[in-house]
């Protein structure tokens, strides 16, 4: 009976779980792995499923914990990135270096985020950031989570979060400038 029930859930909920996992990770392989891990965990604990919630809610709850665990592991890995010090952007007096000064990003056609090609460049630039930086920006600006929620989810201090976001925004601006406006 439990195998048939689980098979039914797999056929009924896999697509929705995958879409959610992909939305959260932007990786086909990782989304597939997370959904598979979700069903493995559900298979192990199916005897404890009492039906207090719908199977879909229960499975999504398991998936969300898997996603959080995935990011906790990635965030606690050592950072690998180029020299991202503020000296690359500002002089000793705190003024912008002339070649790093922000330029006008207004377009004639409207909002940049509506442009499919720009979205590709933005994704590439976000993916090029260290994982902790990328996740902080995605959670803050794309998922619109509060800084407290993000700090708790990523296991970082508030002061560290704001430093990460600041540096990430500088790197994003530089990457977008090079790969979109100067290209």
C-alpha atoms as a PDB file:
ATOM      1  CA  UNK A   1       0.000   0.000   0.000  1.00  0.00           C
ATOM      2  CA  UNK A   2       2.741   2.510   0.914  1.00  0.00           C
ATOM      3  CA  UNK A   3       4.650   1.805  -2.316  1.00  0.00           C
ATOM      4  CA  UNK A   4       1.546   2.459  -4.409  1.00  0.00           C
ATOM      5  CA  UNK A   5       0.871   5.646  -2.450  1.00  0.00           C
ATOM      6  CA  UNK A   6       4.428   6.861  -2.956  1.00  0.00           C
ATOM      7  CA  UNK A   7       4.329   6.003  -6.674  1.00  0.00           C
ATOM      8  CA  UNK A   8       1.133   8.041  -6.963  1.00  0.00           C
ATOM      9  CA  UNK A   9       2.802  11.015  -5.237  1.00  0.00           C
ATOM     10  CA  UNK A  10       5.831  10.758  -7.517  1.00  0.00           C
ATOM     11  CA  UNK A  11       3.684  10.903 -10.629  1.00  0.00           C
ATOM     12  CA  UNK A  12       1.424  13.628  -9.225  1.00  0.00           C
ATOM     13  CA  UNK A  13       3.908  16.031  -7.594  1.00  0.00           C
ATOM     14  CA  UNK A  14       7.300  15.619  -9.285  1.00  0.00           C
ATOM     15  CA  UNK A  15       6.794  18.429 -11.791  1.00  0.00           C
ATOM     16  CA  UNK A  16       5.686  20.950  -9.174  1.00  0.00           C
ATOM     17  CA  UNK A  17       8.494  19.989  -6.800  1.00  0.00           C
ATOM     18  CA  UNK A  18      11.026  20.221  -9.612  1.00  0.00           C
ATOM     19  CA  UNK A  19       9.820  23.685 -10.676  1.00  0.00           C
ATOM     20  CA  UNK A  20      10.119  24.926  -7.084  1.00  0.00           C
ATOM     21  CA  UNK A  21      13.581  23.409  -6.616  1.00  0.00           C
ATOM     22  CA  UNK A  22      14.748  24.862  -9.932  1.00  0.00           C
ATOM     23  CA  UNK A  23      13.345  28.272  -8.979  1.00  0.00           C
ATOM     24  CA  UNK A  24      15.333  28.144  -5.745  1.00  0.00           C
ATOM     25  CA  UNK A  25      18.610  26.795  -7.170  1.00  0.00           C
ATOM     26  CA  UNK A  26      18.698  27.789 -10.870  1.00  0.00           C
ATOM     27  CA  UNK A  27      20.309  24.419 -11.550  1.00  0.00           C
ATOM     28  CA  UNK A  28      18.644  21.580 -13.431  1.00  0.00           C
ATOM     29  CA  UNK A  29      20.876  18.943 -11.872  1.00  0.00           C
ATOM     30  CA  UNK A  30      20.521  20.257  -8.343  1.00  0.00           C
ATOM     31  CA  UNK A  31      16.731  20.562  -8.679  1.00  0.00           C
ATOM     32  CA  UNK A  32      16.538  16.948  -9.879  1.00  0.00           C
ATOM     33  CA  UNK A  33      18.733  15.778  -7.000  1.00  0.00           C
ATOM     34  CA  UNK A  34      16.697  17.697  -4.434  1.00  0.00           C
ATOM     35  CA  UNK A  35      13.420  16.253  -5.700  1.00  0.00           C
ATOM     36  CA  UNK A  36      14.904  12.755  -5.653  1.00  0.00           C
ATOM     37  CA  UNK A  37      16.158  13.331  -2.086  1.00  0.00           C
ATOM     38  CA  UNK A  38      12.696  14.578  -1.145  1.00  0.00           C
ATOM     39  CA  UNK A  39      11.056  11.376  -2.326  1.00  0.00           C
ATOM     40  CA  UNK A  40      13.735   9.236  -0.660  1.00  0.00           C
ATOM     41  CA  UNK A  41      13.096  11.023   2.638  1.00  0.00           C
ATOM     42  CA  UNK A  42       9.341  10.655   2.122  1.00  0.00           C
ATOM     43  CA  UNK A  43       9.779   6.920   1.468  1.00  0.00           C
ATOM     44  CA  UNK A  44      11.728   6.542   4.708  1.00  0.00           C
ATOM     45  CA  UNK A  45       9.140   8.470   6.737  1.00  0.00           C
ATOM     46  CA  UNK A  46       5.927   7.538   4.945  1.00  0.00           C
ATOM     47  CA  UNK A  47       4.845   5.526   7.978  1.00  0.00           C
ATOM     48  CA  UNK A  48       4.905   8.694  10.074  1.00  0.00           C
ATOM     49  CA  UNK A  49       2.726  10.652   7.612  1.00  0.00           C
ATOM     50  CA  UNK A  50      -0.542  11.035   9.524  1.00  0.00           C
ATOM     51  CA  UNK A  51      -2.428  13.067   6.950  1.00  0.00           C
ATOM     52  CA  UNK A  52      -2.614  16.213   9.116  1.00  0.00           C
ATOM     53  CA  UNK A  53      -1.644  18.090   5.954  1.00  0.00           C
ATOM     54  CA  UNK A  54      -1.998  17.238   2.296  1.00  0.00           C
ATOM     55  CA  UNK A  55       0.692  15.036   0.752  1.00  0.00           C
ATOM     56  CA  UNK A  56       1.708  17.997  -1.418  1.00  0.00           C
ATOM     57  CA  UNK A  57       2.238  20.228   1.635  1.00  0.00           C
ATOM     58  CA  UNK A  58       4.205  17.485   3.374  1.00  0.00           C
ATOM     59  CA  UNK A  59       6.429  16.897   0.327  1.00  0.00           C
ATOM     60  CA  UNK A  60       7.040  20.618  -0.174  1.00  0.00           C
ATOM     61  CA  UNK A  61       7.983  20.910   3.480  1.00  0.00           C
ATOM     62  CA  UNK A  62      10.559  18.152   3.045  1.00  0.00           C
ATOM     63  CA  UNK A  63      11.841  19.784  -0.161  1.00  0.00           C
ATOM     64  CA  UNK A  64      12.210  23.183   1.508  1.00  0.00           C
ATOM     65  CA  UNK A  65      14.332  21.641   4.265  1.00  0.00           C
ATOM     66  CA  UNK A  66      16.458  19.916   1.599  1.00  0.00           C
ATOM     67  CA  UNK A  67      16.964  23.258  -0.171  1.00  0.00           C
ATOM     68  CA  UNK A  68      17.948  24.976   3.083  1.00  0.00           C
ATOM     69  CA  UNK A  69      20.397  22.162   3.886  1.00  0.00           C
ATOM     70  CA  UNK A  70      21.871  22.420   0.381  1.00  0.00           C
ATOM     71  CA  UNK A  71      22.585  26.135   0.835  1.00  0.00           C
ATOM     72  CA  UNK A  72      23.928  25.711   4.363  1.00  0.00           C
ATOM     73  CA  UNK A  73      26.522  23.275   3.059  1.00  0.00           C
ATOM     74  CA  UNK A  74      27.430  25.496   0.095  1.00  0.00           C
ATOM     75  CA  UNK A  75      27.651  28.634   2.196  1.00  0.00           C
ATOM     76  CA  UNK A  76      29.967  27.070   4.728  1.00  0.00           C
ATOM     77  CA  UNK A  77      32.448  26.115   2.008  1.00  0.00           C
ATOM     78  CA  UNK A  78      35.490  28.375   1.666  1.00  0.00           C
ATOM     79  CA  UNK A  79      34.987  31.299  -0.691  1.00  0.00           C
ATOM     80  CA  UNK A  80      36.745  31.181  -4.039  1.00  0.00           C
ATOM     81  CA  UNK A  81      36.860  34.546  -5.726  1.00  0.00           C
ATOM     82  CA  UNK A  82      39.128  37.122  -7.236  1.00  0.00           C
ATOM     83  CA  UNK A  83      40.414  40.073  -5.269  1.00  0.00           C
ATOM     84  CA  UNK A  84      37.154  41.849  -4.458  1.00  0.00           C
ATOM     85  CA  UNK A  85      38.491  44.484  -2.145  1.00  0.00           C
ATOM     86  CA  UNK A  86      36.973  47.923  -2.193  1.00  0.00           C
ATOM     87  CA  UNK A  87      40.317  49.283  -3.392  1.00  0.00           C
ATOM     88  CA  UNK A  88      39.319  48.084  -6.851  1.00  0.00           C
ATOM     89  CA  UNK A  89      36.470  50.600  -6.858  1.00  0.00           C
ATOM     90  CA  UNK A  90      37.468  53.478  -4.578  1.00  0.00           C
ATOM     91  CA  UNK A  91      40.590  55.522  -3.996  1.00  0.00           C
ATOM     92  CA  UNK A  92      42.081  56.291  -0.573  1.00  0.00           C
ATOM     93  CA  UNK A  93      39.729  59.253  -0.148  1.00  0.00           C
ATOM     94  CA  UNK A  94      36.663  57.078  -0.788  1.00  0.00           C
ATOM     95  CA  UNK A  95      35.980  58.458  -4.271  1.00  0.00           C
ATOM     96  CA  UNK A  96      35.240  56.231  -7.254  1.00  0.00           C
ATOM     97  CA  UNK A  97      38.140  55.329  -9.522  1.00  0.00           C
ATOM     98  CA  UNK A  98      37.298  56.984 -12.828  1.00  0.00           C
ATOM     99  CA  UNK A  99      37.147  53.708 -14.795  1.00  0.00           C
ATOM    100  CA  UNK A 100      34.929  52.051 -12.142  1.00  0.00           C
ATOM    101  CA  UNK A 101      32.480  54.926 -11.735  1.00  0.00           C
ATOM    102  CA  UNK A 102      28.868  53.859 -12.348  1.00  0.00           C
ATOM    103  CA  UNK A 103      27.397  54.892 -15.678  1.00  0.00           C
ATOM    104  CA  UNK A 104      23.809  55.600 -16.613  1.00  0.00           C
ATOM    105  CA  UNK A 105      21.862  52.359 -17.139  1.00  0.00           C
ATOM    106  CA  UNK A 106      18.669  53.860 -18.490  1.00  0.00           C
ATOM    107  CA  UNK A 107      17.390  52.415 -21.745  1.00  0.00           C
ATOM    108  CA  UNK A 108      15.084  53.793 -24.409  1.00  0.00           C
ATOM    109  CA  UNK A 109      12.984  50.638 -24.425  1.00  0.00           C
ATOM    110  CA  UNK A 110      12.042  50.546 -20.768  1.00  0.00           C
ATOM    111  CA  UNK A 111      13.125  48.402 -17.843  1.00  0.00           C
ATOM    112  CA  UNK A 112      16.238  46.265 -18.314  1.00  0.00           C
ATOM    113  CA  UNK A 113      14.731  43.340 -16.413  1.00  0.00           C
ATOM    114  CA  UNK A 114      12.160  42.952 -19.198  1.00  0.00           C
ATOM    115  CA  UNK A 115      14.951  42.199 -21.681  1.00  0.00           C
ATOM    116  CA  UNK A 116      15.585  38.442 -22.095  1.00  0.00           C
ATOM    117  CA  UNK A 117      19.212  38.991 -23.155  1.00  0.00           C
ATOM    118  CA  UNK A 118      19.860  41.168 -20.113  1.00  0.00           C
ATOM    119  CA  UNK A 119      18.304  38.518 -17.870  1.00  0.00           C
ATOM    120  CA  UNK A 120      20.889  36.059 -19.228  1.00  0.00           C
ATOM    121  CA  UNK A 121      23.747  38.433 -18.413  1.00  0.00           C
ATOM    122  CA  UNK A 122      22.319  39.073 -14.934  1.00  0.00           C
ATOM    123  CA  UNK A 123      22.041  35.320 -14.275  1.00  0.00           C
ATOM    124  CA  UNK A 124      25.618  34.799 -15.490  1.00  0.00           C
ATOM    125  CA  UNK A 125      26.855  37.596 -13.206  1.00  0.00           C
ATOM    126  CA  UNK A 126      24.905  36.273 -10.212  1.00  0.00           C
ATOM    127  CA  UNK A 127      26.259  32.771 -10.822  1.00  0.00           C
ATOM    128  CA  UNK A 128      29.815  34.165 -10.989  1.00  0.00           C
ATOM    129  CA  UNK A 129      29.550  35.541  -7.441  1.00  0.00           C
ATOM    130  CA  UNK A 130      30.691  33.456  -4.501  1.00  0.00           C
ATOM    131  CA  UNK A 131      27.768  31.287  -3.378  1.00  0.00           C
ATOM    132  CA  UNK A 132      27.104  33.174  -0.139  1.00  0.00           C
ATOM    133  CA  UNK A 133      27.059  36.483  -1.993  1.00  0.00           C
ATOM    134  CA  UNK A 134      24.809  35.189  -4.748  1.00  0.00           C
ATOM    135  CA  UNK A 135      22.332  33.684  -2.293  1.00  0.00           C
ATOM    136  CA  UNK A 136      22.243  36.862  -0.204  1.00  0.00           C
ATOM    137  CA  UNK A 137      21.399  38.976  -3.256  1.00  0.00           C
ATOM    138  CA  UNK A 138      18.851  36.503  -4.627  1.00  0.00           C
ATOM    139  CA  UNK A 139      17.071  36.152  -1.297  1.00  0.00           C
ATOM    140  CA  UNK A 140      17.087  39.920  -0.640  1.00  0.00           C
ATOM    141  CA  UNK A 141      16.182  41.302  -4.037  1.00  0.00           C
ATOM    142  CA  UNK A 142      14.541  38.474  -5.970  1.00  0.00           C
ATOM    143  CA  UNK A 143      12.737  36.611  -3.169  1.00  0.00           C
ATOM    144  CA  UNK A 144      12.244  39.843  -1.177  1.00  0.00           C
ATOM    145  CA  UNK A 145      13.032  38.211   2.165  1.00  0.00           C
ATOM    146  CA  UNK A 146      13.900  40.327   5.178  1.00  0.00           C
ATOM    147  CA  UNK A 147      17.501  40.587   6.271  1.00  0.00           C
ATOM    148  CA  UNK A 148      16.659  38.772   9.513  1.00  0.00           C
ATOM    149  CA  UNK A 149      15.150  35.841   7.593  1.00  0.00           C
ATOM    150  CA  UNK A 150      18.166  35.703   5.284  1.00  0.00           C
ATOM    151  CA  UNK A 151      20.661  35.808   8.149  1.00  0.00           C
ATOM    152  CA  UNK A 152      18.825  32.997   9.898  1.00  0.00           C
ATOM    153  CA  UNK A 153      18.509  30.913   6.727  1.00  0.00           C
ATOM    154  CA  UNK A 154      22.165  31.375   5.764  1.00  0.00           C
ATOM    155  CA  UNK A 155      23.536  31.271   9.294  1.00  0.00           C
ATOM    156  CA  UNK A 156      25.319  34.640   9.094  1.00  0.00           C
ATOM    157  CA  UNK A 157      25.438  37.741  11.288  1.00  0.00           C
ATOM    158  CA  UNK A 158      23.562  40.879  10.240  1.00  0.00           C
ATOM    159  CA  UNK A 159      26.743  42.933   9.888  1.00  0.00           C
ATOM    160  CA  UNK A 160      28.269  40.215   7.737  1.00  0.00           C
ATOM    161  CA  UNK A 161      25.113  40.129   5.604  1.00  0.00           C
ATOM    162  CA  UNK A 162      25.244  43.838   4.804  1.00  0.00           C
ATOM    163  CA  UNK A 163      28.942  43.643   3.968  1.00  0.00           C
ATOM    164  CA  UNK A 164      28.271  40.673   1.678  1.00  0.00           C
ATOM    165  CA  UNK A 165      25.404  42.473  -0.072  1.00  0.00           C
ATOM    166  CA  UNK A 166      27.473  45.623  -0.533  1.00  0.00           C
ATOM    167  CA  UNK A 167      30.395  43.762  -2.070  1.00  0.00           C
ATOM    168  CA  UNK A 168      28.099  41.592  -4.173  1.00  0.00           C
ATOM    169  CA  UNK A 169      26.357  44.659  -5.593  1.00  0.00           C
ATOM    170  CA  UNK A 170      29.709  46.177  -6.527  1.00  0.00           C
ATOM    171  CA  UNK A 171      30.756  42.976  -8.279  1.00  0.00           C
ATOM    172  CA  UNK A 172      27.397  42.675 -10.037  1.00  0.00           C
ATOM    173  CA  UNK A 173      27.612  46.234 -11.249  1.00  0.00           C
ATOM    174  CA  UNK A 174      31.113  45.640 -12.587  1.00  0.00           C
ATOM    175  CA  UNK A 175      30.131  42.370 -14.282  1.00  0.00           C
ATOM    176  CA  UNK A 176      26.994  43.865 -15.863  1.00  0.00           C
ATOM    177  CA  UNK A 177      28.913  46.931 -16.983  1.00  0.00           C
ATOM    178  CA  UNK A 178      31.508  44.743 -18.733  1.00  0.00           C
ATOM    179  CA  UNK A 179      29.170  42.118 -20.152  1.00  0.00           C
ATOM    180  CA  UNK A 180      26.157  44.224 -21.094  1.00  0.00           C
ATOM    181  CA  UNK A 181      26.985  47.888 -21.532  1.00  0.00           C
ATOM    182  CA  UNK A 182      30.499  47.589 -22.906  1.00  0.00           C
ATOM    183  CA  UNK A 183      29.701  44.579 -25.098  1.00  0.00           C
END
